[in-house]
Amino acid sequence: ALITGDVTTLMIFLADKVEIVDLLMLSVPAACAVAVLA
């Protein structure tokens, strides 16, 4: 969910495919996926 956290996230952001606010939403489903695995 952070452009500093993953190179591919930064690449997609720099290509103007997503905005920072949109990316921050990813933290919710990503955290939920971790909880499911746990």
PDB file of all heavy atoms in Angstrom:
ATOM      1  N   ALA A   1       0.809  -1.221   0.000  1.00  0.00           N
ATOM      2  CA  ALA A   1       0.000   0.000   0.000  1.00  0.00           C
ATOM      3  C   ALA A   1       0.842   1.270   0.000  1.00  0.00           C
ATOM      4  O   ALA A   1       0.294   2.372  -0.013  1.00  0.00           O
ATOM      5  CB  ALA A   1      -0.931   0.012   1.208  1.00  0.00           C
ATOM      6  N   LEU A   2       2.157   1.135   0.048  1.00  0.00           N
ATOM      7  CA  LEU A   2       3.025   2.302   0.106  1.00  0.00           C
ATOM      8  C   LEU A   2       3.990   2.297  -1.076  1.00  0.00           C
ATOM      9  O   LEU A   2       4.566   1.257  -1.408  1.00  0.00           O
ATOM     10  CB  LEU A   2       3.829   2.306   1.414  1.00  0.00           C
ATOM     11  CG  LEU A   2       3.020   2.381   2.714  1.00  0.00           C
ATOM     12  CD1 LEU A   2       3.940   2.202   3.912  1.00  0.00           C
ATOM     13  CD2 LEU A   2       2.285   3.704   2.814  1.00  0.00           C
ATOM     14  N   ILE A   3       4.211   3.463  -1.669  1.00  0.00           N
ATOM     15  CA  ILE A   3       5.137   3.528  -2.801  1.00  0.00           C
ATOM     16  C   ILE A   3       6.570   3.318  -2.343  1.00  0.00           C
ATOM     17  O   ILE A   3       7.444   2.999  -3.149  1.00  0.00           O
ATOM     18  CB  ILE A   3       5.013   4.868  -3.546  1.00  0.00           C
ATOM     19  CG1 ILE A   3       5.289   6.047  -2.607  1.00  0.00           C
ATOM     20  CG2 ILE A   3       3.639   5.010  -4.177  1.00  0.00           C
ATOM     21  CD1 ILE A   3       5.298   7.402  -3.300  1.00  0.00           C
ATOM     22  N   THR A   4       6.818   3.496  -1.046  1.00  0.00           N
ATOM     23  CA  THR A   4       8.152   3.225  -0.510  1.00  0.00           C
ATOM     24  C   THR A   4       8.294   1.770  -0.053  1.00  0.00           C
ATOM     25  O   THR A   4       9.394   1.342   0.293  1.00  0.00           O
ATOM     26  CB  THR A   4       8.438   4.145   0.692  1.00  0.00           C
ATOM     27  OG1 THR A   4       7.403   3.974   1.666  1.00  0.00           O
ATOM     28  CG2 THR A   4       8.491   5.584   0.249  1.00  0.00           C
ATOM     29  N   GLY A   5       7.194   1.033  -0.013  1.00  0.00           N
ATOM     30  CA  GLY A   5       7.241  -0.311   0.542  1.00  0.00           C
ATOM     31  C   GLY A   5       7.499  -1.400  -0.466  1.00  0.00           C
ATOM     32  O   GLY A   5       7.988  -2.473  -0.119  1.00  0.00           O
ATOM     33  N   ASP A   6       7.166  -1.152  -1.733  1.00  0.00           N
ATOM     34  CA  ASP A   6       7.360  -2.173  -2.757  1.00  0.00           C
ATOM     35  C   ASP A   6       7.648  -1.489  -4.092  1.00  0.00           C
ATOM     36  O   ASP A   6       6.966  -0.532  -4.471  1.00  0.00           O
ATOM     37  CB  ASP A   6       6.106  -3.050  -2.870  1.00  0.00           C
ATOM     38  CG  ASP A   6       6.368  -4.315  -3.667  1.00  0.00           C
ATOM     39  OD1 ASP A   6       6.489  -4.208  -4.898  1.00  0.00           O
ATOM     40  OD2 ASP A   6       6.461  -5.397  -3.070  1.00  0.00           O
ATOM     41  N   VAL A   7       8.652  -1.987  -4.795  1.00  0.00           N
ATOM     42  CA  VAL A   7       9.061  -1.371  -6.061  1.00  0.00           C
ATOM     43  C   VAL A   7       7.930  -1.430  -7.084  1.00  0.00           C
ATOM     44  O   VAL A   7       7.690  -0.472  -7.829  1.00  0.00           O
ATOM     45  CB  VAL A   7      10.318  -2.055  -6.615  1.00  0.00           C
ATOM     46  CG1 VAL A   7      10.688  -1.475  -7.985  1.00  0.00           C
ATOM     47  CG2 VAL A   7      11.475  -1.890  -5.646  1.00  0.00           C
ATOM     48  N   THR A   8       7.204  -2.554  -7.125  1.00  0.00           N
ATOM     49  CA  THR A   8       6.130  -2.684  -8.115  1.00  0.00           C
ATOM     50  C   THR A   8       5.000  -1.697  -7.842  1.00  0.00           C
ATOM     51  O   THR A   8       4.391  -1.164  -8.774  1.00  0.00           O
ATOM     52  CB  THR A   8       5.580  -4.120  -8.128  1.00  0.00           C
ATOM     53  OG1 THR A   8       5.183  -4.495  -6.795  1.00  0.00           O
ATOM     54  CG2 THR A   8       6.640  -5.100  -8.613  1.00  0.00           C
ATOM     55  N   THR A   9       4.713  -1.443  -6.562  1.00  0.00           N
ATOM     56  CA  THR A   9       3.705  -0.436  -6.217  1.00  0.00           C
ATOM     57  C   THR A   9       4.139   0.931  -6.719  1.00  0.00           C
ATOM     58  O   THR A   9       3.336   1.686  -7.281  1.00  0.00           O
ATOM     59  CB  THR A   9       3.490  -0.393  -4.688  1.00  0.00           C
ATOM     60  OG1 THR A   9       3.058  -1.678  -4.236  1.00  0.00           O
ATOM     61  CG2 THR A   9       2.439   0.643  -4.320  1.00  0.00           C
ATOM     62  N   LEU A  10       5.406   1.256  -6.528  1.00  0.00           N
ATOM     63  CA  LEU A  10       5.940   2.530  -7.010  1.00  0.00           C
ATOM     64  C   LEU A  10       5.851   2.625  -8.529  1.00  0.00           C
ATOM     65  O   LEU A  10       5.484   3.677  -9.079  1.00  0.00           O
ATOM     66  CB  LEU A  10       7.390   2.690  -6.554  1.00  0.00           C
ATOM     67  CG  LEU A  10       8.132   3.949  -7.033  1.00  0.00           C
ATOM     68  CD1 LEU A  10       7.435   5.196  -6.510  1.00  0.00           C
ATOM     69  CD2 LEU A  10       9.585   3.911  -6.586  1.00  0.00           C
ATOM     70  N   MET A  11       6.151   1.534  -9.227  1.00  0.00           N
ATOM     71  CA  MET A  11       6.108   1.529 -10.688  1.00  0.00           C
ATOM     72  C   MET A  11       4.698   1.806 -11.199  1.00  0.00           C
ATOM     73  O   MET A  11       4.499   2.596 -12.128  1.00  0.00           O
ATOM     74  CB  MET A  11       6.616   0.183 -11.223  1.00  0.00           C
ATOM     75  CG  MET A  11       8.096  -0.067 -10.987  1.00  0.00           C
ATOM     76  SD  MET A  11       8.568  -1.775 -11.342  1.00  0.00           S
ATOM     77  CE  MET A  11       8.232  -1.870 -13.092  1.00  0.00           C
ATOM     78  N   ILE A  12       3.716   1.153 -10.595  1.00  0.00           N
ATOM     79  CA  ILE A  12       2.322   1.336 -11.018  1.00  0.00           C
ATOM     80  C   ILE A  12       1.848   2.750 -10.709  1.00  0.00           C
ATOM     81  O   ILE A  12       1.110   3.364 -11.483  1.00  0.00           O
ATOM     82  CB  ILE A  12       1.418   0.276 -10.355  1.00  0.00           C
ATOM     83  CG1 ILE A  12       1.809  -1.124 -10.855  1.00  0.00           C
ATOM     84  CG2 ILE A  12      -0.050   0.542 -10.654  1.00  0.00           C
ATOM     85  CD1 ILE A  12       1.103  -2.251 -10.138  1.00  0.00           C
ATOM     86  N   PHE A  13       2.309   3.292  -9.578  1.00  0.00           N
ATOM     87  CA  PHE A  13       1.955   4.675  -9.226  1.00  0.00           C
ATOM     88  C   PHE A  13       2.582   5.669 -10.203  1.00  0.00           C
ATOM     89  O   PHE A  13       1.912   6.609 -10.671  1.00  0.00           O
ATOM     90  CB  PHE A  13       2.419   4.969  -7.796  1.00  0.00           C
ATOM     91  CG  PHE A  13       2.358   6.426  -7.427  1.00  0.00           C
ATOM     92  CD1 PHE A  13       1.151   7.041  -7.164  1.00  0.00           C
ATOM     93  CD2 PHE A  13       3.532   7.179  -7.362  1.00  0.00           C
ATOM     94  CE1 PHE A  13       1.103   8.392  -6.823  1.00  0.00           C
ATOM     95  CE2 PHE A  13       3.485   8.521  -7.033  1.00  0.00           C
ATOM     96  CZ  PHE A  13       2.273   9.132  -6.759  1.00  0.00           C
ATOM     97  N   LEU A  14       3.867   5.500 -10.518  1.00  0.00           N
ATOM     98  CA  LEU A  14       4.556   6.419 -11.429  1.00  0.00           C
ATOM     99  C   LEU A  14       3.982   6.362 -12.843  1.00  0.00           C
ATOM    100  O   LEU A  14       4.114   7.316 -13.609  1.00  0.00           O
ATOM    101  CB  LEU A  14       6.051   6.108 -11.457  1.00  0.00           C
ATOM    102  CG  LEU A  14       6.823   6.401 -10.160  1.00  0.00           C
ATOM    103  CD1 LEU A  14       8.275   5.986 -10.304  1.00  0.00           C
ATOM    104  CD2 LEU A  14       6.713   7.872  -9.788  1.00  0.00           C
ATOM    105  N   ALA A  15       3.337   5.241 -13.177  1.00  0.00           N
ATOM    106  CA  ALA A  15       2.696   5.115 -14.490  1.00  0.00           C
ATOM    107  C   ALA A  15       1.309   5.760 -14.512  1.00  0.00           C
ATOM    108  O   ALA A  15       0.585   5.647 -15.512  1.00  0.00           O
ATOM    109  CB  ALA A  15       2.592   3.645 -14.884  1.00  0.00           C
ATOM    110  N   ASP A  16       0.946   6.437 -13.402  1.00  0.00           N
ATOM    111  CA  ASP A  16      -0.340   7.143 -13.293  1.00  0.00           C
ATOM    112  C   ASP A  16      -1.541   6.204 -13.403  1.00  0.00           C
ATOM    113  O   ASP A  16      -2.606   6.602 -13.904  1.00  0.00           O
ATOM    114  CB  ASP A  16      -0.456   8.245 -14.350  1.00  0.00           C
ATOM    115  CG  ASP A  16       0.554   9.361 -14.129  1.00  0.00           C
ATOM    116  OD1 ASP A  16       0.836   9.671 -12.957  1.00  0.00           O
ATOM    117  OD2 ASP A  16       1.060   9.909 -15.126  1.00  0.00           O
ATOM    118  N   LYS A  17      -1.381   4.977 -12.931  1.00  0.00           N
ATOM    119  CA  LYS A  17      -2.496   4.031 -12.939  1.00  0.00           C
ATOM    120  C   LYS A  17      -3.315   4.108 -11.651  1.00  0.00           C
ATOM    121  O   LYS A  17      -4.497   3.752 -11.641  1.00  0.00           O
ATOM    122  CB  LYS A  17      -1.969   2.604 -13.129  1.00  0.00           C
ATOM    123  CG  LYS A  17      -1.111   2.417 -14.376  1.00  0.00           C
ATOM    124  CD  LYS A  17      -1.871   2.759 -15.644  1.00  0.00           C
ATOM    125  CE  LYS A  17      -1.013   2.511 -16.885  1.00  0.00           C
ATOM    126  NZ  LYS A  17      -1.730   2.892 -18.133  1.00  0.00           N
ATOM    127  N   VAL A  18      -2.678   4.528 -10.562  1.00  0.00           N
ATOM    128  CA  VAL A  18      -3.349   4.641  -9.265  1.00  0.00           C
ATOM    129  C   VAL A  18      -2.873   5.903  -8.563  1.00  0.00           C
ATOM    130  O   VAL A  18      -1.807   6.435  -8.887  1.00  0.00           O
ATOM    131  CB  VAL A  18      -3.061   3.410  -8.364  1.00  0.00           C
ATOM    132  CG1 VAL A  18      -3.694   2.151  -8.917  1.00  0.00           C
ATOM    133  CG2 VAL A  18      -1.556   3.212  -8.194  1.00  0.00           C
ATOM    134  N   GLU A  19      -3.660   6.377  -7.592  1.00  0.00           N
ATOM    135  CA  GLU A  19      -3.283   7.530  -6.781  1.00  0.00           C
ATOM    136  C   GLU A  19      -2.898   7.066  -5.375  1.00  0.00           C
ATOM    137  O   GLU A  19      -3.198   5.937  -4.976  1.00  0.00           O
ATOM    138  CB  GLU A  19      -4.451   8.520  -6.701  1.00  0.00           C
ATOM    139  CG  GLU A  19      -4.909   9.069  -8.048  1.00  0.00           C
ATOM    140  CD  GLU A  19      -3.868   9.956  -8.702  1.00  0.00           C
ATOM    141  OE1 GLU A  19      -3.017  10.509  -7.969  1.00  0.00           O
ATOM    142  OE2 GLU A  19      -3.893  10.091  -9.941  1.00  0.00           O
ATOM    143  N   ILE A  20      -2.228   7.958  -4.630  1.00  0.00           N
ATOM    144  CA  ILE A  20      -1.788   7.621  -3.274  1.00  0.00           C
ATOM    145  C   ILE A  20      -2.965   7.202  -2.400  1.00  0.00           C
ATOM    146  O   ILE A  20      -2.896   6.205  -1.671  1.00  0.00           O
ATOM    147  CB  ILE A  20      -1.065   8.823  -2.622  1.00  0.00           C
ATOM    148  CG1 ILE A  20       0.275   9.096  -3.323  1.00  0.00           C
ATOM    149  CG2 ILE A  20      -0.841   8.567  -1.138  1.00  0.00           C
ATOM    150  CD1 ILE A  20       1.310   8.042  -3.096  1.00  0.00           C
ATOM    151  N   VAL A  21      -4.054   7.942  -2.483  1.00  0.00           N
ATOM    152  CA  VAL A  21      -5.238   7.629  -1.665  1.00  0.00           C
ATOM    153  C   VAL A  21      -5.776   6.245  -2.015  1.00  0.00           C
ATOM    154  O   VAL A  21      -6.189   5.476  -1.130  1.00  0.00           O
ATOM    155  CB  VAL A  21      -6.327   8.695  -1.858  1.00  0.00           C
ATOM    156  CG1 VAL A  21      -7.594   8.315  -1.082  1.00  0.00           C
ATOM    157  CG2 VAL A  21      -5.819  10.056  -1.413  1.00  0.00           C
ATOM    158  N   ASP A  22      -5.769   5.920  -3.297  1.00  0.00           N
ATOM    159  CA  ASP A  22      -6.246   4.597  -3.729  1.00  0.00           C
ATOM    160  C   ASP A  22      -5.347   3.501  -3.172  1.00  0.00           C
ATOM    161  O   ASP A  22      -5.822   2.443  -2.731  1.00  0.00           O
ATOM    162  CB  ASP A  22      -6.288   4.529  -5.253  1.00  0.00           C
ATOM    163  CG  ASP A  22      -7.204   5.576  -5.859  1.00  0.00           C
ATOM    164  OD1 ASP A  22      -8.294   5.790  -5.302  1.00  0.00           O
ATOM    165  OD2 ASP A  22      -6.816   6.192  -6.869  1.00  0.00           O
ATOM    166  N   LEU A  23      -4.041   3.765  -3.196  1.00  0.00           N
ATOM    167  CA  LEU A  23      -3.097   2.760  -2.710  1.00  0.00           C
ATOM    168  C   LEU A  23      -3.262   2.508  -1.214  1.00  0.00           C
ATOM    169  O   LEU A  23      -3.144   1.366  -0.754  1.00  0.00           O
ATOM    170  CB  LEU A  23      -1.659   3.208  -3.005  1.00  0.00           C
ATOM    171  CG  LEU A  23      -1.186   3.081  -4.454  1.00  0.00           C
ATOM    172  CD1 LEU A  23       0.196   3.684  -4.614  1.00  0.00           C
ATOM    173  CD2 LEU A  23      -1.172   1.619  -4.888  1.00  0.00           C
ATOM    174  N   LEU A  24      -3.513   3.582  -0.463  1.00  0.00           N
ATOM    175  CA  LEU A  24      -3.663   3.421   0.980  1.00  0.00           C
ATOM    176  C   LEU A  24      -4.814   2.483   1.330  1.00  0.00           C
ATOM    177  O   LEU A  24      -4.794   1.836   2.380  1.00  0.00           O
ATOM    178  CB  LEU A  24      -3.866   4.786   1.641  1.00  0.00           C
ATOM    179  CG  LEU A  24      -2.641   5.713   1.630  1.00  0.00           C
ATOM    180  CD1 LEU A  24      -2.986   7.068   2.239  1.00  0.00           C
ATOM    181  CD2 LEU A  24      -1.481   5.073   2.372  1.00  0.00           C
ATOM    182  N   MET A  25      -5.797   2.395   0.450  1.00  0.00           N
ATOM    183  CA  MET A  25      -6.908   1.464   0.686  1.00  0.00           C
ATOM    184  C   MET A  25      -6.428   0.024   0.698  1.00  0.00           C
ATOM    185  O   MET A  25      -7.025  -0.845   1.338  1.00  0.00           O
ATOM    186  CB  MET A  25      -7.973   1.618  -0.401  1.00  0.00           C
ATOM    187  CG  MET A  25      -8.713   2.940  -0.399  1.00  0.00           C
ATOM    188  SD  MET A  25     -10.136   2.884  -1.514  1.00  0.00           S
ATOM    189  CE  MET A  25      -9.386   2.317  -3.027  1.00  0.00           C
ATOM    190  N   LEU A  26      -5.339  -0.238  -0.020  1.00  0.00           N
ATOM    191  CA  LEU A  26      -4.836  -1.607  -0.117  1.00  0.00           C
ATOM    192  C   LEU A  26      -4.412  -2.176   1.232  1.00  0.00           C
ATOM    193  O   LEU A  26      -4.368  -3.395   1.407  1.00  0.00           O
ATOM    194  CB  LEU A  26      -3.638  -1.651  -1.073  1.00  0.00           C
ATOM    195  CG  LEU A  26      -3.914  -1.920  -2.547  1.00  0.00           C
ATOM    196  CD1 LEU A  26      -2.624  -1.875  -3.347  1.00  0.00           C
ATOM    197  CD2 LEU A  26      -4.591  -3.265  -2.738  1.00  0.00           C
ATOM    198  N   SER A  27      -4.076  -1.293   2.172  1.00  0.00           N
ATOM    199  CA  SER A  27      -3.618  -1.784   3.470  1.00  0.00           C
ATOM    200  C   SER A  27      -4.710  -2.583   4.184  1.00  0.00           C
ATOM    201  O   SER A  27      -4.406  -3.497   4.956  1.00  0.00           O
ATOM    202  CB  SER A  27      -3.161  -0.619   4.350  1.00  0.00           C
ATOM    203  OG  SER A  27      -4.222   0.294   4.549  1.00  0.00           O
ATOM    204  N   VAL A  28      -5.976  -2.250   3.914  1.00  0.00           N
ATOM    205  CA  VAL A  28      -7.082  -2.954   4.586  1.00  0.00           C
ATOM    206  C   VAL A  28      -7.202  -4.401   4.101  1.00  0.00           C
ATOM    207  O   VAL A  28      -7.122  -5.333   4.914  1.00  0.00           O
ATOM    208  CB  VAL A  28      -8.408  -2.194   4.398  1.00  0.00           C
ATOM    209  CG1 VAL A  28      -9.563  -2.976   5.021  1.00  0.00           C
ATOM    210  CG2 VAL A  28      -8.312  -0.809   5.014  1.00  0.00           C
ATOM    211  N   PRO A  29      -7.382  -4.655   2.779  1.00  0.00           N
ATOM    212  CA  PRO A  29      -7.465  -6.049   2.346  1.00  0.00           C
ATOM    213  C   PRO A  29      -6.151  -6.816   2.553  1.00  0.00           C
ATOM    214  O   PRO A  29      -6.182  -8.023   2.811  1.00  0.00           O
ATOM    215  CB  PRO A  29      -7.809  -5.949   0.850  1.00  0.00           C
ATOM    216  CG  PRO A  29      -7.437  -4.574   0.450  1.00  0.00           C
ATOM    217  CD  PRO A  29      -7.640  -3.722   1.659  1.00  0.00           C
ATOM    218  N   ALA A  30      -5.015  -6.123   2.450  1.00  0.00           N
ATOM    219  CA  ALA A  30      -3.727  -6.800   2.663  1.00  0.00           C
ATOM    220  C   ALA A  30      -3.600  -7.269   4.105  1.00  0.00           C
ATOM    221  O   ALA A  30      -3.167  -8.397   4.375  1.00  0.00           O
ATOM    222  CB  ALA A  30      -2.575  -5.862   2.296  1.00  0.00           C
ATOM    223  N   ALA A  31      -4.003  -6.412   5.050  1.00  0.00           N
ATOM    224  CA  ALA A  31      -3.957  -6.792   6.461  1.00  0.00           C
ATOM    225  C   ALA A  31      -4.954  -7.915   6.752  1.00  0.00           C
ATOM    226  O   ALA A  31      -4.661  -8.829   7.538  1.00  0.00           O
ATOM    227  CB  ALA A  31      -4.260  -5.572   7.338  1.00  0.00           C
ATOM    228  N   CYS A  32      -6.114  -7.853   6.126  1.00  0.00           N
ATOM    229  CA  CYS A  32      -7.116  -8.916   6.305  1.00  0.00           C
ATOM    230  C   CYS A  32      -6.595 -10.254   5.780  1.00  0.00           C
ATOM    231  O   CYS A  32      -6.846 -11.314   6.369  1.00  0.00           O
ATOM    232  CB  CYS A  32      -8.418  -8.541   5.616  1.00  0.00           C
ATOM    233  SG  CYS A  32      -9.310  -7.180   6.398  1.00  0.00           S
ATOM    234  N   ALA A  33      -5.869 -10.217   4.662  1.00  0.00           N
ATOM    235  CA  ALA A  33      -5.292 -11.452   4.109  1.00  0.00           C
ATOM    236  C   ALA A  33      -4.291 -12.055   5.081  1.00  0.00           C
ATOM    237  O   ALA A  33      -4.234 -13.284   5.267  1.00  0.00           O
ATOM    238  CB  ALA A  33      -4.628 -11.156   2.762  1.00  0.00           C
ATOM    239  N   VAL A  34      -3.484 -11.200   5.719  1.00  0.00           N
ATOM    240  CA  VAL A  34      -2.527 -11.685   6.724  1.00  0.00           C
ATOM    241  C   VAL A  34      -3.265 -12.301   7.903  1.00  0.00           C
ATOM    242  O   VAL A  34      -2.868 -13.357   8.423  1.00  0.00           O
ATOM    243  CB  VAL A  34      -1.611 -10.527   7.198  1.00  0.00           C
ATOM    244  CG1 VAL A  34      -0.733 -10.980   8.360  1.00  0.00           C
ATOM    245  CG2 VAL A  34      -0.749 -10.028   6.050  1.00  0.00           C
ATOM    246  N   ALA A  35      -4.359 -11.665   8.328  1.00  0.00           N
ATOM    247  CA  ALA A  35      -5.146 -12.192   9.442  1.00  0.00           C
ATOM    248  C   ALA A  35      -5.747 -13.553   9.097  1.00  0.00           C
ATOM    249  O   ALA A  35      -5.775 -14.466   9.932  1.00  0.00           O
ATOM    250  CB  ALA A  35      -6.242 -11.200   9.813  1.00  0.00           C
ATOM    251  N   VAL A  36      -6.227 -13.701   7.858  1.00  0.00           N
ATOM    252  CA  VAL A  36      -6.788 -14.978   7.415  1.00  0.00           C
ATOM    253  C   VAL A  36      -5.731 -16.079   7.481  1.00  0.00           C
ATOM    254  O   VAL A  36      -5.991 -17.186   7.965  1.00  0.00           O
ATOM    255  CB  VAL A  36      -7.349 -14.851   5.978  1.00  0.00           C
ATOM    256  CG1 VAL A  36      -7.661 -16.232   5.390  1.00  0.00           C
ATOM    257  CG2 VAL A  36      -8.607 -13.995   5.984  1.00  0.00           C
ATOM    258  N   LEU A  37      -4.530 -15.765   6.999  1.00  0.00           N
ATOM    259  CA  LEU A  37      -3.456 -16.764   7.033  1.00  0.00           C
ATOM    260  C   LEU A  37      -3.065 -17.094   8.473  1.00  0.00           C
ATOM    261  O   LEU A  37      -2.821 -18.265   8.807  1.00  0.00           O
ATOM    262  CB  LEU A  37      -2.244 -16.260   6.259  1.00  0.00           C
ATOM    263  CG  LEU A  37      -1.046 -17.223   6.195  1.00  0.00           C
ATOM    264  CD1 LEU A  37      -1.449 -18.535   5.524  1.00  0.00           C
ATOM    265  CD2 LEU A  37       0.125 -16.587   5.456  1.00  0.00           C
ATOM    266  N   ALA A  38      -3.008 -16.076   9.326  1.00  0.00           N
ATOM    267  CA  ALA A  38      -2.642 -16.304  10.723  1.00  0.00           C
ATOM    268  C   ALA A  38      -3.642 -17.236  11.406  1.00  0.00           C
ATOM    269  O   ALA A  38      -3.256 -18.148  12.153  1.00  0.00           O
ATOM    270  CB  ALA A  38      -2.566 -14.973  11.469  1.00  0.00           C
TER     271      ALA A  38
END
